[in-house]
């Protein structure tokens, strides 16, 4: 198996990745954290935590990044220079930052996905067909996450929205309503609702409703812990290690959208 380097190892996803890598016998050769982290210099998972990714990029490995947009982009630059494949699960990137990732993918293989869960990526696939068939139904997206999540809507919810928009010939975000209050009037014919919940320790829930006359069709995914995301990211790391430069998603990794 290809060894991995985990950035942001003290975060919720970083901890889950270390735990699942050990469980799957995937060799962890490096882990990083912010310079002011008390973990710097400490031994976790048989590696010493470093504040510098560059010093770890001397061996054949794949970097798995769940940090923040600014740090993640810096990690992509470092990996591009050293020709190291990257798996990016960080969300909240600006369009400018996304273009930088696309540019980097011309030189290294990158898996960039807002959600690494197998179930969520199956949901993406199923929604495309459902939305095309039920395009004249009223469509609502509801997502819920823990109180500490910094971006809204979630990257996954935006991904779901874009799949639906493409299948129904709508535009994201133009045709989406993110806020309803007061006398809103009747629902616009092309409108798609997007509602966000933040509270407690909710790992991640996404619901898509197709509301017709006399029936309602719902698609729902509930993550009960972060193992599903970690397992997906680790699967992506082993897959991307054998790919040519390019920008890939979990749809490619799972064979839903062959590269």
Protein backbone atom coordinates (compact mmCIF):
# COMPACT_ATOMS: atom_id res chain seq x y z
CA UNK A 1 0.00 0.00 0.00
CA UNK A 2 1.09 3.58 -0.65
CA UNK A 3 2.00 5.39 2.60
CA UNK A 4 0.21 8.60 3.56
CA UNK A 5 0.93 11.96 5.17
CA UNK A 6 -1.95 13.55 7.06
CA UNK A 7 -2.18 17.32 7.43
CA UNK A 8 -4.23 18.83 10.25
CA UNK A 9 -3.76 15.71 12.36
CA UNK A 10 -5.26 17.28 15.50
CA UNK A 11 -8.57 18.04 13.82
CA UNK A 12 -11.66 15.84 13.89
CA UNK A 13 -10.90 14.39 10.47
CA UNK A 14 -7.17 14.17 11.14
CA UNK A 15 -7.78 12.02 14.21
CA UNK A 16 -10.24 9.81 12.32
CA UNK A 17 -7.75 9.36 9.47
CA UNK A 18 -4.97 8.29 11.81
CA UNK A 19 -7.27 5.80 13.54
CA UNK A 20 -8.59 4.32 10.29
CA UNK A 21 -5.18 4.21 8.61
CA UNK A 22 -3.90 2.11 11.49
CA UNK A 23 -6.98 -0.13 11.30
CA UNK A 24 -6.47 -0.66 7.55
CA UNK A 25 -2.71 -1.20 7.88
CA UNK A 26 -1.94 1.84 5.74
CA UNK A 27 1.50 3.12 6.69
CA UNK A 28 1.50 6.66 8.11
CA UNK A 29 4.86 8.33 7.44
CA UNK A 30 4.06 11.90 8.47
CA UNK A 31 1.57 14.22 10.14
CA UNK A 32 1.41 18.00 10.43
CA UNK A 33 -0.25 20.64 12.56
CA UNK A 34 -0.13 24.42 12.98
CA UNK A 35 3.11 25.85 14.35
CA UNK A 36 1.51 26.79 17.68
CA UNK A 37 -0.06 23.36 18.24
CA UNK A 38 0.97 21.57 21.46
CA UNK A 39 1.27 18.40 19.37
CA UNK A 40 4.35 19.63 17.51
CA UNK A 41 7.20 17.24 18.29
CA UNK A 42 4.86 14.69 19.87
CA UNK A 43 4.62 11.07 18.76
CA UNK A 44 1.22 10.05 17.38
CA UNK A 45 0.59 6.91 15.38
CA UNK A 46 4.32 6.15 15.38
CA UNK A 47 5.23 9.46 13.69
CA UNK A 48 6.43 12.78 15.08
CA UNK A 49 4.08 15.68 14.39
CA UNK A 50 5.73 18.40 12.31
CA UNK A 51 4.79 22.00 11.56
CA UNK A 52 6.32 21.78 8.08
CA UNK A 53 4.90 19.64 5.31
CA UNK A 54 7.86 20.37 3.04
CA UNK A 55 10.27 18.45 5.27
CA UNK A 56 8.10 15.31 4.97
CA UNK A 57 7.82 15.29 1.18
CA UNK A 58 10.99 13.32 0.56
CA UNK A 59 9.43 9.88 0.19
CA UNK A 60 6.87 8.38 -2.15
CA UNK A 61 3.55 9.05 -0.46
CA UNK A 62 0.13 10.66 -0.82
CA UNK A 63 -0.90 13.72 1.20
CA UNK A 64 -4.43 13.73 2.65
CA UNK A 65 -5.57 17.25 3.48
CA UNK A 66 -8.47 18.21 5.76
CA UNK A 67 -7.41 21.64 7.04
CA UNK A 68 -8.67 25.07 5.95
CA UNK A 69 -8.65 26.69 2.48
CA UNK A 70 -5.54 28.83 3.05
CA UNK A 71 -3.45 26.00 4.52
CA UNK A 72 -4.76 23.51 2.00
CA UNK A 73 -3.73 25.66 -0.95
CA UNK A 74 -0.24 26.07 0.53
CA UNK A 75 -0.02 22.28 0.87
CA UNK A 76 -1.06 21.86 -2.77
CA UNK A 77 1.73 24.21 -3.87
CA UNK A 78 4.29 22.21 -1.85
CA UNK A 79 3.06 18.90 -3.26
CA UNK A 80 3.12 20.26 -6.81
CA UNK A 81 6.76 21.22 -6.40
CA UNK A 82 7.65 17.73 -5.11
CA UNK A 83 5.31 15.86 -7.51
CA UNK A 84 3.33 14.29 -4.65
CA UNK A 85 -0.35 13.27 -5.21
CA UNK A 86 -2.95 14.93 -2.99
CA UNK A 87 -6.40 14.07 -1.64
CA UNK A 88 -8.30 17.24 -0.66
CA UNK A 89 -11.34 17.02 1.60
CA UNK A 90 -11.18 20.64 2.75
CA UNK A 91 -14.22 22.79 1.87
CA UNK A 92 -14.92 26.53 1.72
CA UNK A 93 -12.58 27.41 -1.15
CA UNK A 94 -13.14 30.57 -3.18
CA UNK A 95 -13.51 30.25 -6.95
CA UNK A 96 -10.03 31.74 -7.32
CA UNK A 97 -8.56 29.07 -5.03
CA UNK A 98 -10.37 26.33 -6.94
CA UNK A 99 -8.75 27.56 -10.15
CA UNK A 100 -5.36 27.29 -8.45
CA UNK A 101 -6.13 23.66 -7.58
CA UNK A 102 -7.15 23.02 -11.19
CA UNK A 103 -3.86 24.55 -12.32
CA UNK A 104 -1.87 22.34 -9.92
CA UNK A 105 -3.69 19.26 -11.23
CA UNK A 106 -1.99 19.74 -14.59
CA UNK A 107 1.22 18.63 -12.87
CA UNK A 108 0.09 16.17 -10.18
CA UNK A 109 -2.91 13.88 -9.63
CA UNK A 110 -5.42 15.42 -7.20
CA UNK A 111 -8.64 13.98 -5.78
CA UNK A 112 -10.77 16.98 -4.78
CA UNK A 113 -14.16 16.17 -3.27
CA UNK A 114 -16.38 17.93 -0.72
CA UNK A 115 -17.43 14.56 0.68
CA UNK A 116 -15.45 11.31 0.65
CA UNK A 117 -18.33 9.10 1.81
CA UNK A 118 -19.28 6.24 -0.50
CA UNK A 119 -22.94 6.76 0.42
CA UNK A 120 -22.94 10.47 -0.39
CA UNK A 121 -21.24 9.87 -3.72
CA UNK A 122 -23.84 7.26 -4.56
CA UNK A 123 -26.42 9.92 -3.66
CA UNK A 124 -24.82 12.28 -6.20
CA UNK A 125 -25.23 9.62 -8.87
CA UNK A 126 -28.84 8.78 -7.97
CA UNK A 127 -29.88 12.44 -7.72
CA UNK A 128 -28.87 13.20 -11.27
CA UNK A 129 -31.42 10.72 -12.64
CA UNK A 130 -34.08 11.60 -10.07
CA UNK A 131 -33.80 15.34 -10.69
CA UNK A 132 -34.04 14.85 -14.44
CA UNK A 133 -37.22 12.79 -14.04
CA UNK A 134 -38.77 15.01 -11.35
CA UNK A 135 -37.65 18.38 -12.71
CA UNK A 136 -41.17 19.85 -12.45
CA UNK A 137 -41.45 19.02 -8.73
CA UNK A 138 -40.61 21.57 -6.03
CA UNK A 139 -37.09 20.79 -4.83
CA UNK A 140 -35.66 21.52 -1.38
CA UNK A 141 -32.22 20.78 0.07
CA UNK A 142 -31.69 20.69 3.84
CA UNK A 143 -28.28 20.17 5.43
CA UNK A 144 -27.25 19.95 9.08
CA UNK A 145 -23.82 19.99 10.73
CA UNK A 146 -22.23 20.59 14.12
CA UNK A 147 -22.03 24.06 15.64
CA UNK A 148 -18.29 24.41 14.89
CA UNK A 149 -18.53 24.09 11.10
CA UNK A 150 -17.25 27.30 9.53
CA UNK A 151 -18.76 27.29 6.02
CA UNK A 152 -22.38 27.27 4.93
CA UNK A 153 -23.90 25.76 2.94
CA UNK A 154 -21.68 22.71 3.24
CA UNK A 155 -19.52 21.69 0.32
CA UNK A 156 -21.63 18.55 0.01
CA UNK A 157 -24.87 20.54 -0.15
CA UNK A 158 -23.39 22.76 -2.84
CA UNK A 159 -22.32 19.64 -4.73
CA UNK A 160 -25.85 18.24 -4.51
CA UNK A 161 -27.24 21.59 -5.66
CA UNK A 162 -25.00 21.66 -8.72
CA UNK A 163 -25.96 18.10 -9.69
CA UNK A 164 -29.64 19.02 -9.45
CA UNK A 165 -29.14 22.32 -11.30
CA UNK A 166 -27.41 20.57 -14.18
CA UNK A 167 -30.05 17.84 -14.41
CA UNK A 168 -32.95 20.33 -14.34
CA UNK A 169 -31.35 23.05 -16.50
CA UNK A 170 -31.21 25.52 -13.65
CA UNK A 171 -28.39 27.73 -12.42
CA UNK A 172 -26.54 27.56 -9.11
CA UNK A 173 -26.73 29.86 -7.16
CA UNK A 174 -29.05 32.09 -9.25
CA UNK A 175 -32.12 29.84 -9.02
CA UNK A 176 -31.62 28.93 -5.35
CA UNK A 177 -33.38 30.52 -2.39
CA UNK A 178 -31.23 30.48 0.76
CA UNK A 179 -33.57 32.52 2.95
CA UNK A 180 -37.32 32.83 3.39
CA UNK A 181 -38.93 35.24 5.83
CA UNK A 182 -42.07 37.34 5.94
CA UNK A 183 -44.47 37.68 3.00
CA UNK A 184 -42.43 35.85 0.40
CA UNK A 185 -45.26 35.35 -2.07
CA UNK A 186 -45.75 32.19 -4.08
CA UNK A 187 -42.81 29.98 -4.85
CA UNK A 188 -41.12 30.78 -8.18
CA UNK A 189 -41.41 27.97 -10.73
CA UNK A 190 -37.63 27.43 -11.05
CA UNK A 191 -36.82 28.05 -7.38
CA UNK A 192 -34.87 25.47 -5.38
CA UNK A 193 -34.69 25.95 -1.62
CA UNK A 194 -31.51 25.47 0.39
CA UNK A 195 -31.71 25.50 4.19
CA UNK A 196 -28.84 25.19 6.69
CA UNK A 197 -28.88 23.90 10.28
CA UNK A 198 -25.93 24.28 12.66
CA UNK A 199 -26.03 22.77 16.13
CA UNK A 200 -24.61 20.35 18.66
CA UNK A 201 -22.33 17.61 17.40
CA UNK A 202 -24.18 16.66 14.20
CA UNK A 203 -21.62 14.92 11.99
CA UNK A 204 -23.48 15.56 8.75
CA UNK A 205 -27.00 15.14 7.38
CA UNK A 206 -28.24 15.95 3.88
CA UNK A 207 -31.83 15.66 2.69
CA UNK A 208 -33.20 16.39 -0.78
CA UNK A 209 -36.98 16.63 -1.18
CA UNK A 210 -38.90 16.44 -4.45
CA UNK A 211 -42.39 17.71 -3.61
CA UNK A 212 -45.13 17.01 -6.12
CA UNK A 213 -48.91 17.04 -6.00
CA UNK A 214 -50.00 14.02 -3.97
CA UNK A 215 -46.52 12.67 -3.29
CA UNK A 216 -43.07 13.56 -2.00
CA UNK A 217 -39.83 11.74 -2.80
CA UNK A 218 -36.94 12.14 -0.36
CA UNK A 219 -33.27 11.23 -0.54
CA UNK A 220 -31.38 11.35 2.75
CA UNK A 221 -27.86 10.59 3.91
CA UNK A 222 -26.86 10.60 7.58
CA UNK A 223 -23.25 10.25 8.71
CA UNK A 224 -23.13 8.82 12.23
CA UNK A 225 -19.37 9.21 12.64
CA UNK A 226 -16.36 10.41 10.65
CA UNK A 227 -15.08 6.94 9.81
CA UNK A 228 -17.07 6.99 6.58
CA UNK A 229 -15.22 10.12 5.41
CA UNK A 230 -11.84 8.83 6.58
CA UNK A 231 -12.32 5.47 4.87
CA UNK A 232 -13.26 7.21 1.64
CA UNK A 233 -10.24 9.51 1.81
CA UNK A 234 -7.91 6.58 2.45
CA UNK A 235 -9.45 4.69 -0.47
CA UNK A 236 -8.85 7.78 -2.61
CA UNK A 237 -5.22 7.96 -1.48
CA UNK A 238 -4.50 4.45 -2.69
CA UNK A 239 -6.29 5.10 -5.98
CA UNK A 240 -4.72 8.48 -6.80
CA UNK A 241 -1.20 7.15 -6.23
CA UNK A 242 -1.51 5.29 -9.53
CA UNK A 243 -3.07 8.04 -11.62
CA UNK A 244 -1.59 10.47 -14.10
CA UNK A 245 -1.81 14.23 -13.41
CA UNK A 246 -5.39 15.49 -13.41
CA UNK A 247 -8.25 16.68 -11.24
CA UNK A 248 -10.40 13.81 -10.00
CA UNK A 249 -13.38 13.37 -7.68
CA UNK A 250 -14.69 10.52 -5.56
CA UNK A 251 -16.96 9.71 -8.49
CA UNK A 252 -13.79 8.75 -10.38
CA UNK A 253 -12.37 6.82 -7.42
CA UNK A 254 -15.55 4.76 -7.09
CA UNK A 255 -15.90 4.16 -10.82
CA UNK A 256 -19.16 6.12 -11.11
CA UNK A 257 -17.49 8.52 -13.54
CA UNK A 258 -14.52 6.69 -15.09
CA UNK A 259 -11.47 8.90 -15.64
